[in-house]
Structure formats: structure tokens, C-alpha cells
């Protein structure tokens, strides 16, 4: 078991719910610990897309077996935006059995998402 795995294992026992006040890789390690303990869907909100990408890259390096999805940031057109959200929500639905984290800049959650019937057809 590597050092990152040891940190994640120890934090998984201690974390209880929301985490604030951490930055950089420390936040990513805490999130990986949360995802190890919580076997369902988790969402991580970030102030902007750059931090969302950084956290996703950290998690991929720390725990490659975790399913990490990034919320789409504003696409050029409504149809591209709808397609991006449909693909993302379909992937989340397909991965419901294990831990999955949606890393989302707050602004991306202000977007309208496709109706569930469109996602079911995808």
C-alpha cells in the first residue's frame, strides 16, 4: 500500500460529510477518502472549471479506479450543451453501482439539463 493509499485510508475513517478549508492536493486526498467510504454518487462543487479539472486530474492519479466525471462548461450552442449533459448523465446512470464523483464548476449547474426521457433514450 503506497503513501497516498495510506493517507486516503486514514482519512476515510475520520471524514464526516462536507469538507472545507482544504486546498490543492489535500482537498483531492480528502475527496478520495470520502469516495472510498461513500459507495454512491457524490458531487464536488468548484468555483471555476480550472479547479474542477485539477481535482479530476488529482483523483485520477490518486485512485484511477474511481469514476470521475466533469460537468460540461458552457458549450458553443444549445445542442452541443444538451449533448454534453446527456452524455454525462448517461455515464452517471451507467455507473450507479460504484462510487462516482461529479466535479462541477458552480456555473455549470446553472445550465438547463436535458429532460430525463432524452437521457433514457441515449
Protein backbone atom coordinates (compact mmCIF):
# COMPACT_ATOMS: atom_id res chain seq x y z
CA UNK A 1 0.00 0.00 0.00
CA UNK A 2 1.51 3.31 -1.10
CA UNK A 3 1.65 6.55 0.88
CA UNK A 4 -1.37 8.04 -0.94
CA UNK A 5 -3.39 4.88 -0.20
CA UNK A 6 -2.42 5.07 3.47
CA UNK A 7 -3.49 8.73 3.70
CA UNK A 8 -6.76 8.01 1.92
CA UNK A 9 -7.45 5.02 4.19
CA UNK A 10 -6.84 7.02 7.38
CA UNK A 11 -8.91 9.99 6.20
CA UNK A 12 -11.79 7.74 5.13
CA UNK A 13 -12.32 6.79 8.77
CA UNK A 14 -12.25 10.39 10.05
CA UNK A 15 -14.24 12.39 7.47
CA UNK A 16 -17.86 13.14 8.19
CA UNK A 17 -19.73 14.91 5.35
CA UNK A 18 -18.74 18.25 3.87
CA UNK A 19 -15.10 19.32 3.75
CA UNK A 20 -13.96 22.92 3.62
CA UNK A 21 -10.78 24.84 4.24
CA UNK A 22 -8.51 22.46 2.33
CA UNK A 23 -6.81 23.40 -0.89
CA UNK A 24 -4.65 21.84 -3.55
CA UNK A 25 -3.90 18.15 -3.43
CA UNK A 26 -5.00 18.00 0.22
CA UNK A 27 -8.57 18.56 -0.88
CA UNK A 28 -8.24 15.87 -3.53
CA UNK A 29 -6.90 13.36 -0.99
CA UNK A 30 -9.84 14.17 1.33
CA UNK A 31 -12.28 13.74 -1.56
CA UNK A 32 -10.70 10.39 -2.48
CA UNK A 33 -11.16 9.30 1.15
CA UNK A 34 -14.81 10.36 1.04
CA UNK A 35 -15.35 8.43 -2.18
CA UNK A 36 -13.79 5.33 -0.65
CA UNK A 37 -16.27 5.48 2.25
CA UNK A 38 -19.36 6.56 0.29
CA UNK A 39 -20.15 3.99 -2.38
CA UNK A 40 -22.71 6.06 -4.30
CA UNK A 41 -22.89 9.37 -6.10
CA UNK A 42 -21.02 12.43 -4.80
CA UNK A 43 -20.79 15.94 -6.16
CA UNK A 44 -17.89 18.33 -5.69
CA UNK A 45 -18.56 21.98 -6.50
CA UNK A 46 -15.69 24.23 -7.52
CA UNK A 47 -15.55 27.98 -8.15
CA UNK A 48 -14.36 27.50 -11.73
CA UNK A 49 -13.51 24.99 -14.46
CA UNK A 50 -9.74 25.13 -13.90
CA UNK A 51 -10.03 23.87 -10.32
CA UNK A 52 -12.53 21.21 -11.41
CA UNK A 53 -10.00 19.93 -13.95
CA UNK A 54 -7.17 20.00 -11.38
CA UNK A 55 -9.21 17.97 -8.87
CA UNK A 56 -10.20 15.45 -11.54
CA UNK A 57 -6.55 15.01 -12.55
CA UNK A 58 -5.50 14.59 -8.90
CA UNK A 59 -8.16 11.93 -8.34
CA UNK A 60 -7.19 10.07 -11.50
CA UNK A 61 -3.59 9.96 -10.24
CA UNK A 62 -4.51 9.04 -6.65
CA UNK A 63 -7.23 6.46 -7.33
CA UNK A 64 -7.51 5.56 -11.03
CA UNK A 65 -10.30 3.05 -10.31
CA UNK A 66 -12.69 5.84 -9.24
CA UNK A 67 -15.19 7.07 -11.81
CA UNK A 68 -14.78 10.82 -12.15
CA UNK A 69 -16.91 12.94 -14.46
CA UNK A 70 -16.52 16.63 -15.16
CA UNK A 71 -19.60 18.75 -15.71
CA UNK A 72 -19.54 20.40 -19.10
CA UNK A 73 -18.80 24.08 -19.11
CA UNK A 74 -20.71 26.38 -21.42
CA UNK A 75 -20.60 24.90 -24.89
CA UNK A 76 -20.93 26.95 -28.06
CA UNK A 77 -24.52 26.08 -28.85
CA UNK A 78 -27.62 24.78 -27.08
CA UNK A 79 -27.48 21.48 -28.98
CA UNK A 80 -23.81 20.89 -28.05
CA UNK A 81 -24.56 21.74 -24.42
CA UNK A 82 -27.53 19.36 -24.39
CA UNK A 83 -25.45 16.60 -25.99
CA UNK A 84 -22.66 17.08 -23.42
CA UNK A 85 -25.10 16.88 -20.49
CA UNK A 86 -26.89 13.87 -21.99
CA UNK A 87 -23.58 12.01 -22.32
CA UNK A 88 -22.53 12.93 -18.79
CA UNK A 89 -25.84 11.98 -17.16
CA UNK A 90 -25.96 8.72 -19.14
CA UNK A 91 -22.47 7.86 -17.88
CA UNK A 92 -23.50 8.60 -14.29
CA UNK A 93 -26.57 6.38 -14.68
CA UNK A 94 -24.45 3.54 -16.09
CA UNK A 95 -22.00 3.72 -13.16
CA UNK A 96 -24.52 3.77 -10.30
CA UNK A 97 -23.22 0.56 -8.72
CA UNK A 98 -19.90 2.03 -7.61
CA UNK A 99 -18.54 5.30 -6.31
CA UNK A 100 -18.81 8.10 -8.81
CA UNK A 101 -17.99 11.77 -8.41
CA UNK A 102 -19.28 14.66 -10.46
CA UNK A 103 -16.78 17.52 -10.35
CA UNK A 104 -18.73 20.63 -11.32
CA UNK A 105 -17.93 24.31 -11.53
CA UNK A 106 -20.83 26.15 -9.90
CA UNK A 107 -21.65 27.97 -13.15
CA UNK A 108 -22.19 24.65 -14.96
CA UNK A 109 -25.08 23.87 -12.62
CA UNK A 110 -26.89 26.97 -13.84
CA UNK A 111 -27.33 25.26 -17.21
CA UNK A 112 -30.60 23.62 -18.17
CA UNK A 113 -30.14 19.87 -18.46
CA UNK A 114 -31.95 17.61 -20.91
CA UNK A 115 -35.21 16.04 -19.74
CA UNK A 116 -34.93 12.50 -18.27
CA UNK A 117 -36.72 10.98 -21.27
CA UNK A 118 -33.90 12.22 -23.54
CA UNK A 119 -31.29 10.73 -21.25
CA UNK A 120 -33.10 7.38 -21.09
CA UNK A 121 -33.04 7.21 -24.90
CA UNK A 122 -29.28 7.98 -25.07
